[in-house]
Amino acid sequence: MLVATATASELTVATYNVENYVSANRLTAAGYRKDYPKPEAAKAALRTVLRAMNADVVVFQEMGPRRYLEELRRDLQTAGLNYPHAVLLEAADADRHVAVLSRRPLVRVVEHTRLTFRYFEGLETVKRGLLEVVIATPQGDMTLWALHLKSRYQKREDDPESAKRRAGEAMAIREWLLAHSENPRESAFLILGDFNDTKSSAAVRYLTRKGKMVISQLLPAVDSRGEGWTYHYRRDDSYSRVDHILVSPALQGAVKGGAVRIFDLPAVREASDHRPVMVTLTWPE
C-alpha cells in the first residue's frame, strides 16, 4: 500500500537474489548433498531481512517453482508481513525464476519468455525471461521490468564468464522495451534485478542508453557504512555490485534522496550470497 503523509506518497521497491530458494546441490555442514532444500536457518534469516525491509514490492531472483514462492509468502504472512499479490515468471530456466511479491494491486502483468538474440552462429533465448509488472502511482502507471541475466558460468571458451551472452540478453531486453513502450524520456519505469555484471559492463550499458538516446539511469547505491557491493563470491572471497536498479528519466525526480540503498542487516549474510537493493519513490499529494 502507499505510505501516506501530509505532503507526499511513497512506494518502496526492492530487488533481491535469494540464492537458490529451491532444492539444489549444496555443500552443507554434513557434506555435499544433491537436491537439498534451502536450509531452514537461511530461510529464517531471509524472513528476518524481508520483515525489516518492509518493502511494498519485492522482485526476487533464484526463486524456485511456484510452490516455493507460496511457501515464502505464507511464512511471511504468519510473521505479520502480508503480500496479497504474487507473480512467478516461468521461462527457459525450469529451476530458478524471477518473481514478485506486492502489497499493491498489479494493474498488468506480462511474461516475456520468447526474447531471442544472436549468439555466435545461432539464436539464444533470454534464459530467465523478462517480467513486466505495472503498478498505479499518484502520477500514473509505473512499469517494473524485472530480470535476471545469465550467470558467469561458461560453456564456451570464446565467451569468458558468459559476458557476451549477458550482453546479448540485455540488448534483446532493450530492443523489446523500446519497441513496446512509449518514449523512455516520458515513461515511468524501473529496470531492476540481478545483472550478474558490474556498472561498467556492456550489459548494464545497453540498458541505460542506445547511441545518444538515454534510456535509464543507474542509481548510486551504498549501505549504511558507505560500502557499495551486493554480491559475495565465496570461492575467492570477492565482493562486487551486480544487483542494480535503473530508473527512467521521467521517474528520476521521484527517487527519494536521488539514490538507492543496499540493505545490510546482519541477517543478510546468512540469508543469501547477495544483498537486497531498495529504492523509495515519493510523489507530492
C-alpha atoms as a PDB file:
ATOM      1  CA  MET A   1       0.000   0.000   0.000  1.00  0.00           C
ATOM      2  CA  LEU A   2       1.114   3.593  -0.464  1.00  0.00           C
ATOM      3  CA  VAL A   3       2.508   5.124   2.712  1.00  0.00           C
ATOM      4  CA  ALA A   4       0.758   8.471   3.027  1.00  0.00           C
ATOM      5  CA  THR A   5       1.968  11.562   4.863  1.00  0.00           C
ATOM      6  CA  ALA A   6       0.646  15.104   4.938  1.00  0.00           C
ATOM      7  CA  THR A   7       2.732  16.085   1.910  1.00  0.00           C
ATOM      8  CA  ALA A   8       3.716  13.010  -0.072  1.00  0.00           C
ATOM      9  CA  SER A   9       3.008   9.416  -1.037  1.00  0.00           C
ATOM     10  CA  GLU A  10       5.834   6.871  -1.032  1.00  0.00           C
ATOM     11  CA  LEU A  11       6.428   3.485  -2.608  1.00  0.00           C
ATOM     12  CA  THR A  12       9.424   1.269  -1.772  1.00  0.00           C
ATOM     13  CA  VAL A  13      10.598  -1.274  -4.339  1.00  0.00           C
ATOM     14  CA  ALA A  14      13.372  -3.818  -3.751  1.00  0.00           C
ATOM     15  CA  THR A  15      15.285  -6.400  -5.767  1.00  0.00           C
ATOM     16  CA  TYR A  16      16.729  -9.471  -4.054  1.00  0.00           C
ATOM     17  CA  ASN A  17      18.549 -12.585  -5.280  1.00  0.00           C
ATOM     18  CA  VAL A  18      17.605 -15.094  -2.592  1.00  0.00           C
ATOM     19  CA  GLU A  19      20.242 -17.709  -3.557  1.00  0.00           C
ATOM     20  CA  ASN A  20      18.558 -20.929  -4.595  1.00  0.00           C
ATOM     21  CA  TYR A  21      15.228 -20.824  -2.808  1.00  0.00           C
ATOM     22  CA  VAL A  22      14.739 -24.294  -4.292  1.00  0.00           C
ATOM     23  CA  SER A  23      16.089 -27.815  -3.902  1.00  0.00           C
ATOM     24  CA  ALA A  24      19.620 -27.770  -5.321  1.00  0.00           C
ATOM     25  CA  ASN A  25      23.034 -29.373  -4.978  1.00  0.00           C
ATOM     26  CA  ARG A  26      24.621 -27.864  -1.858  1.00  0.00           C
ATOM     27  CA  LEU A  27      27.628 -28.044   0.409  1.00  0.00           C
ATOM     28  CA  THR A  28      26.158 -28.450   3.895  1.00  0.00           C
ATOM     29  CA  ALA A  29      27.624 -28.899   7.373  1.00  0.00           C
ATOM     30  CA  ALA A  30      27.151 -32.643   6.842  1.00  0.00           C
ATOM     31  CA  GLY A  31      28.904 -32.606   3.452  1.00  0.00           C
ATOM     32  CA  TYR A  32      27.808 -32.320  -0.190  1.00  0.00           C
ATOM     33  CA  ARG A  33      24.137 -33.043  -0.794  1.00  0.00           C
ATOM     34  CA  LYS A  34      22.200 -33.358  -4.046  1.00  0.00           C
ATOM     35  CA  ASP A  35      18.714 -31.917  -4.483  1.00  0.00           C
ATOM     36  CA  TYR A  36      18.826 -30.418  -0.997  1.00  0.00           C
ATOM     37  CA  PRO A  37      16.387 -27.679   0.130  1.00  0.00           C
ATOM     38  CA  LYS A  38      17.442 -24.215   1.201  1.00  0.00           C
ATOM     39  CA  PRO A  39      18.421 -24.585   4.869  1.00  0.00           C
ATOM     40  CA  GLU A  40      15.810 -23.582   7.407  1.00  0.00           C
ATOM     41  CA  ALA A  41      18.266 -21.209   9.107  1.00  0.00           C
ATOM     42  CA  ALA A  42      18.780 -19.381   5.799  1.00  0.00           C
ATOM     43  CA  LYS A  43      15.010 -19.212   5.246  1.00  0.00           C
ATOM     44  CA  ALA A  44      14.510 -17.758   8.724  1.00  0.00           C
ATOM     45  CA  ALA A  45      17.237 -15.181   8.077  1.00  0.00           C
ATOM     46  CA  LEU A  46      15.583 -14.276   4.763  1.00  0.00           C
ATOM     47  CA  ARG A  47      12.248 -13.687   6.501  1.00  0.00           C
ATOM     48  CA  THR A  48      14.006 -11.521   9.089  1.00  0.00           C
ATOM     49  CA  VAL A  49      15.517  -9.408   6.309  1.00  0.00           C
ATOM     50  CA  LEU A  50      12.243  -9.058   4.402  1.00  0.00           C
ATOM     51  CA  ARG A  51      10.347  -8.039   7.547  1.00  0.00           C
ATOM     52  CA  ALA A  52      12.981  -5.410   8.333  1.00  0.00           C
ATOM     53  CA  MET A  53      12.956  -4.097   4.755  1.00  0.00           C
ATOM     54  CA  ASN A  54       9.145  -3.901   4.736  1.00  0.00           C
ATOM     55  CA  ALA A  55       9.166  -3.033   1.023  1.00  0.00           C
ATOM     56  CA  ASP A  56       5.897  -2.516  -0.815  1.00  0.00           C
ATOM     57  CA  VAL A  57       7.103  -4.544  -3.803  1.00  0.00           C
ATOM     58  CA  VAL A  58       9.927  -7.106  -3.890  1.00  0.00           C
ATOM     59  CA  VAL A  59      11.414  -8.547  -7.082  1.00  0.00           C
ATOM     60  CA  PHE A  60      13.134 -11.889  -6.486  1.00  0.00           C
ATOM     61  CA  GLN A  61      15.738 -13.829  -8.425  1.00  0.00           C
ATOM     62  CA  GLU A  62      16.622 -17.527  -7.937  1.00  0.00           C
ATOM     63  CA  MET A  63      13.137 -18.299  -6.666  1.00  0.00           C
ATOM     64  CA  GLY A  64      12.136 -21.929  -7.179  1.00  0.00           C
ATOM     65  CA  PRO A  65       8.897 -23.085  -8.820  1.00  0.00           C
ATOM     66  CA  ARG A  66       5.596 -21.669  -7.657  1.00  0.00           C
ATOM     67  CA  ARG A  67       5.245 -23.781  -4.511  1.00  0.00           C
ATOM     68  CA  TYR A  68       8.410 -22.190  -3.112  1.00  0.00           C
ATOM     69  CA  LEU A  69       7.098 -18.678  -3.678  1.00  0.00           C
ATOM     70  CA  GLU A  70       3.839 -19.642  -1.983  1.00  0.00           C
ATOM     71  CA  GLU A  71       5.780 -21.127   0.927  1.00  0.00           C
ATOM     72  CA  LEU A  72       7.679 -17.870   1.417  1.00  0.00           C
ATOM     73  CA  ARG A  73       4.520 -15.786   1.113  1.00  0.00           C
ATOM     74  CA  ARG A  74       2.708 -17.984   3.650  1.00  0.00           C
ATOM     75  CA  ASP A  75       5.605 -17.877   6.111  1.00  0.00           C
ATOM     76  CA  LEU A  76       5.863 -14.104   5.792  1.00  0.00           C
ATOM     77  CA  GLN A  77       2.142 -13.730   6.411  1.00  0.00           C
ATOM     78  CA  THR A  78       2.466 -15.842   9.563  1.00  0.00           C
ATOM     79  CA  ALA A  79       5.232 -13.467  10.655  1.00  0.00           C
ATOM     80  CA  GLY A  80       2.978 -10.446  10.068  1.00  0.00           C
ATOM     81  CA  LEU A  81       4.136  -9.352   6.593  1.00  0.00           C
ATOM     82  CA  ASN A  82       1.329  -9.750   4.072  1.00  0.00           C
ATOM     83  CA  TYR A  83       1.832  -9.705   0.306  1.00  0.00           C
ATOM     84  CA  PRO A  84      -1.549 -10.439  -1.296  1.00  0.00           C
ATOM     85  CA  HIS A  85      -0.239 -10.245  -4.878  1.00  0.00           C
ATOM     86  CA  ALA A  86       2.287 -12.743  -6.241  1.00  0.00           C
ATOM     87  CA  VAL A  87       3.717 -13.424  -9.721  1.00  0.00           C
ATOM     88  CA  LEU A  88       6.237 -16.022 -10.868  1.00  0.00           C
ATOM     89  CA  LEU A  89       7.761 -15.946 -14.353  1.00  0.00           C
ATOM     90  CA  GLU A  90       8.149 -19.386 -15.930  1.00  0.00           C
ATOM     91  CA  ALA A  91      10.820 -19.142 -18.614  1.00  0.00           C
ATOM     92  CA  ALA A  92      13.515 -21.411 -20.089  1.00  0.00           C
ATOM     93  CA  ASP A  93      15.206 -21.946 -16.724  1.00  0.00           C
ATOM     94  CA  ALA A  94      12.927 -24.505 -15.090  1.00  0.00           C
ATOM     95  CA  ASP A  95      14.556 -24.253 -11.658  1.00  0.00           C
ATOM     96  CA  ARG A  96      15.297 -20.586 -10.916  1.00  0.00           C
ATOM     97  CA  HIS A  97      12.734 -17.902 -11.587  1.00  0.00           C
ATOM     98  CA  VAL A  98      12.095 -14.178 -11.414  1.00  0.00           C
ATOM     99  CA  ALA A  99       9.148 -13.480  -9.098  1.00  0.00           C
ATOM    100  CA  VAL A 100       7.315 -10.592  -7.437  1.00  0.00           C
ATOM    101  CA  LEU A 101       5.510 -10.147  -4.135  1.00  0.00           C
ATOM    102  CA  SER A 102       3.491  -6.954  -3.786  1.00  0.00           C
ATOM    103  CA  ARG A 103       1.213  -5.154  -1.360  1.00  0.00           C
ATOM    104  CA  ARG A 104      -0.053  -3.013  -4.201  1.00  0.00           C
ATOM    105  CA  PRO A 105      -2.533  -4.316  -6.760  1.00  0.00           C
ATOM    106  CA  LEU A 106      -0.903  -5.103 -10.092  1.00  0.00           C
ATOM    107  CA  VAL A 107      -2.505  -3.229 -12.970  1.00  0.00           C
ATOM    108  CA  ARG A 108      -0.964  -5.519 -15.581  1.00  0.00           C
ATOM    109  CA  VAL A 109       1.427  -8.472 -15.665  1.00  0.00           C
ATOM    110  CA  VAL A 110       3.091  -9.719 -18.858  1.00  0.00           C
ATOM    111  CA  GLU A 111       5.537 -12.620 -19.014  1.00  0.00           C
ATOM    112  CA  HIS A 112       8.046 -12.291 -21.845  1.00  0.00           C
ATOM    113  CA  THR A 113       9.607 -15.711 -22.413  1.00  0.00           C
ATOM    114  CA  ARG A 114      10.491 -15.721 -26.121  1.00  0.00           C
ATOM    115  CA  LEU A 115      13.019 -12.892 -26.387  1.00  0.00           C
ATOM    116  CA  THR A 116      15.868 -14.054 -28.622  1.00  0.00           C
ATOM    117  CA  PHE A 117      19.257 -12.705 -29.646  1.00  0.00           C
ATOM    118  CA  ARG A 118      22.063 -13.718 -31.969  1.00  0.00           C
ATOM    119  CA  TYR A 119      24.857 -15.527 -30.157  1.00  0.00           C
ATOM    120  CA  PHE A 120      27.821 -16.528 -32.304  1.00  0.00           C
ATOM    121  CA  GLU A 121      26.454 -18.849 -35.016  1.00  0.00           C
ATOM    122  CA  GLY A 122      22.904 -19.188 -33.710  1.00  0.00           C
ATOM    123  CA  LEU A 123      19.996 -17.763 -31.740  1.00  0.00           C
ATOM    124  CA  GLU A 124      19.551 -17.991 -27.996  1.00  0.00           C
ATOM    125  CA  THR A 125      16.641 -17.171 -25.685  1.00  0.00           C
ATOM    126  CA  VAL A 126      16.852 -14.852 -22.683  1.00  0.00           C
ATOM    127  CA  LYS A 127      17.109 -17.694 -20.188  1.00  0.00           C
ATOM    128  CA  ARG A 128      15.031 -16.309 -17.313  1.00  0.00           C
ATOM    129  CA  GLY A 129      12.796 -14.144 -19.491  1.00  0.00           C
ATOM    130  CA  LEU A 130      11.595 -10.636 -18.686  1.00  0.00           C
ATOM    131  CA  LEU A 131       8.761  -9.890 -16.269  1.00  0.00           C
ATOM    132  CA  GLU A 132       6.678  -6.769 -16.919  1.00  0.00           C
ATOM    133  CA  VAL A 133       4.638  -5.572 -13.937  1.00  0.00           C
ATOM    134  CA  VAL A 134       2.594  -2.354 -13.952  1.00  0.00           C
ATOM    135  CA  ILE A 135       1.661  -0.582 -10.714  1.00  0.00           C
ATOM    136  CA  ALA A 136      -0.506   2.520 -10.255  1.00  0.00           C
ATOM    137  CA  THR A 137       1.100   5.622  -8.693  1.00  0.00           C
ATOM    138  CA  PRO A 138      -0.194   9.148  -7.969  1.00  0.00           C
ATOM    139  CA  GLN A 139       1.427  10.270 -11.235  1.00  0.00           C
ATOM    140  CA  GLY A 140       0.062   7.419 -13.363  1.00  0.00           C
ATOM    141  CA  ASP A 141       1.145   3.873 -14.104  1.00  0.00           C
ATOM    142  CA  MET A 142       4.733   2.775 -13.445  1.00  0.00           C
ATOM    143  CA  THR A 143       6.313  -0.328 -15.012  1.00  0.00           C
ATOM    144  CA  LEU A 144       8.795  -2.666 -13.383  1.00  0.00           C
ATOM    145  CA  TRP A 145      10.964  -4.551 -15.891  1.00  0.00           C
ATOM    146  CA  ALA A 146      12.309  -7.402 -13.738  1.00  0.00           C
ATOM    147  CA  LEU A 147      15.222  -9.530 -14.960  1.00  0.00           C
ATOM    148  CA  HIS A 148      17.959 -11.987 -14.031  1.00  0.00           C
ATOM    149  CA  LEU A 149      20.717 -12.126 -16.635  1.00  0.00           C
ATOM    150  CA  LYS A 150      22.847 -15.188 -17.369  1.00  0.00           C
ATOM    151  CA  SER A 151      25.286 -16.285 -14.671  1.00  0.00           C
ATOM    152  CA  ARG A 152      29.054 -16.126 -15.158  1.00  0.00           C
ATOM    153  CA  TYR A 153      29.228 -19.886 -15.582  1.00  0.00           C
ATOM    154  CA  GLN A 154      30.566 -20.501 -19.091  1.00  0.00           C
ATOM    155  CA  LYS A 155      30.295 -23.325 -21.598  1.00  0.00           C
ATOM    156  CA  ARG A 156      32.325 -21.634 -24.349  1.00  0.00           C
ATOM    157  CA  GLU A 157      35.994 -20.731 -24.096  1.00  0.00           C
ATOM    158  CA  ASP A 158      35.404 -17.870 -26.568  1.00  0.00           C
ATOM    159  CA  ASP A 159      32.967 -16.202 -24.153  1.00  0.00           C
ATOM    160  CA  PRO A 160      34.822 -15.801 -20.832  1.00  0.00           C
ATOM    161  CA  GLU A 161      32.375 -15.657 -17.895  1.00  0.00           C
ATOM    162  CA  SER A 162      29.486 -15.542 -20.424  1.00  0.00           C
ATOM    163  CA  ALA A 163      29.889 -11.757 -20.796  1.00  0.00           C
ATOM    164  CA  LYS A 164      28.824 -11.793 -24.475  1.00  0.00           C
ATOM    165  CA  ARG A 165      25.752 -13.837 -23.668  1.00  0.00           C
ATOM    166  CA  ARG A 166      24.652 -11.429 -20.932  1.00  0.00           C
ATOM    167  CA  ALA A 167      25.235  -8.524 -23.309  1.00  0.00           C
ATOM    168  CA  GLY A 168      23.038 -10.271 -25.872  1.00  0.00           C
ATOM    169  CA  GLU A 169      20.293 -10.806 -23.305  1.00  0.00           C
ATOM    170  CA  ALA A 170      20.476  -7.145 -22.276  1.00  0.00           C
ATOM    171  CA  MET A 171      20.287  -5.980 -25.893  1.00  0.00           C
ATOM    172  CA  ALA A 172      17.256  -8.200 -26.564  1.00  0.00           C
ATOM    173  CA  ILE A 173      15.517  -6.780 -23.487  1.00  0.00           C
ATOM    174  CA  ARG A 174      16.386  -3.227 -24.508  1.00  0.00           C
ATOM    175  CA  GLU A 175      15.036  -3.657 -28.030  1.00  0.00           C
ATOM    176  CA  TRP A 176      11.807  -5.186 -26.712  1.00  0.00           C
ATOM    177  CA  LEU A 177      11.398  -2.362 -24.212  1.00  0.00           C
ATOM    178  CA  LEU A 178      11.931   0.314 -26.868  1.00  0.00           C
ATOM    179  CA  ALA A 179       9.617  -1.386 -29.352  1.00  0.00           C
ATOM    180  CA  HIS A 180       6.747  -1.960 -26.918  1.00  0.00           C
ATOM    181  CA  SER A 181       6.777   1.051 -24.632  1.00  0.00           C
ATOM    182  CA  GLU A 182       6.460   4.779 -25.035  1.00  0.00           C
ATOM    183  CA  ASN A 183       9.376   7.182 -25.370  1.00  0.00           C
ATOM    184  CA  PRO A 184      11.634   6.360 -22.394  1.00  0.00           C
ATOM    185  CA  ARG A 185      12.014  10.058 -21.620  1.00  0.00           C
ATOM    186  CA  GLU A 186       8.264  10.195 -20.985  1.00  0.00           C
ATOM    187  CA  SER A 187       7.632   6.745 -19.480  1.00  0.00           C
ATOM    188  CA  ALA A 188       7.852   5.897 -15.780  1.00  0.00           C
ATOM    189  CA  PHE A 189       9.708   2.624 -15.277  1.00  0.00           C
ATOM    190  CA  LEU A 190      12.393   0.789 -13.342  1.00  0.00           C
ATOM    191  CA  ILE A 191      14.682  -1.887 -14.773  1.00  0.00           C
ATOM    192  CA  LEU A 192      15.863  -3.988 -11.860  1.00  0.00           C
ATOM    193  CA  GLY A 193      17.295  -7.324 -10.871  1.00  0.00           C
ATOM    194  CA  ASP A 194      20.477  -9.377 -10.833  1.00  0.00           C
ATOM    195  CA  PHE A 195      22.532  -8.359 -13.877  1.00  0.00           C
ATOM    196  CA  ASN A 196      25.446 -10.644 -12.957  1.00  0.00           C
ATOM    197  CA  ASP A 197      27.584  -7.754 -14.203  1.00  0.00           C
ATOM    198  CA  THR A 198      29.065  -4.530 -12.876  1.00  0.00           C
ATOM    199  CA  LYS A 199      28.179  -0.980 -13.876  1.00  0.00           C
ATOM    200  CA  SER A 200      30.958  -0.735 -16.498  1.00  0.00           C
ATOM    201  CA  SER A 201      29.763  -3.837 -18.380  1.00  0.00           C
ATOM    202  CA  ALA A 202      28.142  -3.928 -21.804  1.00  0.00           C
ATOM    203  CA  ALA A 203      25.010  -5.488 -20.284  1.00  0.00           C
ATOM    204  CA  VAL A 204      24.418  -2.505 -18.000  1.00  0.00           C
ATOM    205  CA  ARG A 205      25.412  -0.010 -20.676  1.00  0.00           C
ATOM    206  CA  TYR A 206      22.949  -1.453 -23.198  1.00  0.00           C
ATOM    207  CA  LEU A 207      20.076  -0.947 -20.757  1.00  0.00           C
ATOM    208  CA  THR A 208      20.991   2.655 -19.942  1.00  0.00           C
ATOM    209  CA  ARG A 209      21.411   4.001 -23.473  1.00  0.00           C
ATOM    210  CA  LYS A 210      21.290   3.297 -27.184  1.00  0.00           C
ATOM    211  CA  GLY A 211      23.682   5.542 -29.045  1.00  0.00           C
ATOM    212  CA  LYS A 212      22.873   9.044 -27.842  1.00  0.00           C
ATOM    213  CA  MET A 213      19.442   8.027 -26.560  1.00  0.00           C
ATOM    214  CA  VAL A 214      19.289   7.869 -22.769  1.00  0.00           C
ATOM    215  CA  ILE A 215      17.010   5.015 -21.724  1.00  0.00           C
ATOM    216  CA  SER A 216      17.625   4.911 -17.993  1.00  0.00           C
ATOM    217  CA  GLN A 217      19.995   5.984 -15.250  1.00  0.00           C
ATOM    218  CA  LEU A 218      21.924   3.628 -12.969  1.00  0.00           C
ATOM    219  CA  LEU A 219      21.266   4.888  -9.470  1.00  0.00           C
ATOM    220  CA  PRO A 220      24.139   5.128  -6.980  1.00  0.00           C
ATOM    221  CA  ALA A 221      23.898   2.622  -4.149  1.00  0.00           C
ATOM    222  CA  VAL A 222      25.637   2.217  -0.783  1.00  0.00           C
ATOM    223  CA  ASP A 223      24.874   0.519   2.518  1.00  0.00           C
ATOM    224  CA  SER A 224      24.819   2.070   5.999  1.00  0.00           C
ATOM    225  CA  ARG A 225      28.637   2.011   6.109  1.00  0.00           C
ATOM    226  CA  GLY A 226      29.145   3.523   2.672  1.00  0.00           C
ATOM    227  CA  GLU A 227      30.042   0.194   1.010  1.00  0.00           C
ATOM    228  CA  GLY A 228      28.735  -0.499  -2.495  1.00  0.00           C
ATOM    229  CA  TRP A 229      28.849  -4.286  -3.007  1.00  0.00           C
ATOM    230  CA  THR A 230      25.819  -6.556  -3.364  1.00  0.00           C
ATOM    231  CA  TYR A 231      27.364  -9.975  -4.097  1.00  0.00           C
ATOM    232  CA  HIS A 232      29.897 -12.039  -2.165  1.00  0.00           C
ATOM    233  CA  TYR A 233      31.619 -14.698  -4.285  1.00  0.00           C
ATOM    234  CA  ARG A 234      32.611 -17.179  -1.597  1.00  0.00           C
ATOM    235  CA  ARG A 235      35.040 -19.200  -3.708  1.00  0.00           C
ATOM    236  CA  ASP A 236      37.606 -16.398  -3.966  1.00  0.00           C
ATOM    237  CA  ASP A 237      36.164 -14.127  -1.257  1.00  0.00           C
ATOM    238  CA  SER A 238      35.483 -11.245  -3.665  1.00  0.00           C
ATOM    239  CA  TYR A 239      32.804  -8.558  -3.470  1.00  0.00           C
ATOM    240  CA  SER A 240      31.075  -6.748  -6.337  1.00  0.00           C
ATOM    241  CA  ARG A 241      27.906  -4.844  -7.188  1.00  0.00           C
ATOM    242  CA  VAL A 242      25.871  -6.861  -9.683  1.00  0.00           C
ATOM    243  CA  ASP A 243      22.314  -6.136  -8.469  1.00  0.00           C
ATOM    244  CA  HIS A 244      21.025  -2.885  -9.930  1.00  0.00           C
ATOM    245  CA  ILE A 245      18.047  -0.556 -10.125  1.00  0.00           C
ATOM    246  CA  LEU A 246      17.854   1.619 -13.243  1.00  0.00           C
ATOM    247  CA  VAL A 247      15.347   4.468 -13.365  1.00  0.00           C
ATOM    248  CA  SER A 248      13.798   6.119 -16.418  1.00  0.00           C
ATOM    249  CA  PRO A 249      14.417   9.861 -16.935  1.00  0.00           C
ATOM    250  CA  ALA A 250      10.735  10.603 -16.296  1.00  0.00           C
ATOM    251  CA  LEU A 251      10.877   8.882 -12.901  1.00  0.00           C
ATOM    252  CA  GLN A 252      14.263  10.133 -11.754  1.00  0.00           C
ATOM    253  CA  GLY A 253      12.823  13.137  -9.915  1.00  0.00           C
ATOM    254  CA  ALA A 254      10.695  10.824  -7.761  1.00  0.00           C
ATOM    255  CA  VAL A 255      13.688   8.930  -6.322  1.00  0.00           C
ATOM    256  CA  LYS A 256      13.929   9.850  -2.659  1.00  0.00           C
ATOM    257  CA  GLY A 257      17.415  11.118  -1.913  1.00  0.00           C
ATOM    258  CA  GLY A 258      18.467  10.523  -5.532  1.00  0.00           C
ATOM    259  CA  ALA A 259      19.953   7.113  -4.648  1.00  0.00           C
ATOM    260  CA  VAL A 260      19.109   3.559  -3.677  1.00  0.00           C
ATOM    261  CA  ARG A 261      20.010   1.672  -0.516  1.00  0.00           C
ATOM    262  CA  ILE A 262      21.876  -1.604  -0.159  1.00  0.00           C
ATOM    263  CA  PHE A 263      20.268  -3.289   2.823  1.00  0.00           C
ATOM    264  CA  ASP A 264      22.863  -4.600   5.301  1.00  0.00           C
ATOM    265  CA  LEU A 265      21.079  -6.007   8.329  1.00  0.00           C
ATOM    266  CA  PRO A 266      23.348  -8.730   9.872  1.00  0.00           C
ATOM    267  CA  ALA A 267      20.887 -11.495   8.874  1.00  0.00           C
ATOM    268  CA  VAL A 268      21.526 -10.635   5.205  1.00  0.00           C
ATOM    269  CA  ARG A 269      24.798 -12.585   5.224  1.00  0.00           C
ATOM    270  CA  GLU A 270      23.043 -15.812   6.287  1.00  0.00           C
ATOM    271  CA  ALA A 271      20.020 -15.381   4.014  1.00  0.00           C
ATOM    272  CA  SER A 272      21.857 -15.213   0.675  1.00  0.00           C
ATOM    273  CA  ASP A 273      25.134 -14.527  -1.090  1.00  0.00           C
ATOM    274  CA  HIS A 274      23.506 -11.339  -2.417  1.00  0.00           C
ATOM    275  CA  ARG A 275      22.333  -8.258  -0.541  1.00  0.00           C
ATOM    276  CA  PRO A 276      18.992  -6.632  -1.432  1.00  0.00           C
ATOM    277  CA  VAL A 277      18.776  -3.207  -3.067  1.00  0.00           C
ATOM    278  CA  MET A 278      15.891  -0.823  -2.334  1.00  0.00           C
ATOM    279  CA  VAL A 279      14.573   2.409  -3.810  1.00  0.00           C
ATOM    280  CA  THR A 280      11.909   4.698  -2.351  1.00  0.00           C
ATOM    281  CA  LEU A 281       9.835   6.749  -4.769  1.00  0.00           C
ATOM    282  CA  THR A 282       7.927   9.748  -3.482  1.00  0.00           C
ATOM    283  CA  TRP A 283       5.294  11.952  -5.083  1.00  0.00           C
ATOM    284  CA  PRO A 284       3.564  15.126  -3.818  1.00  0.00           C
ATOM    285  CA  GLU A 285      -0.033  14.647  -2.773  1.00  0.00           C
END
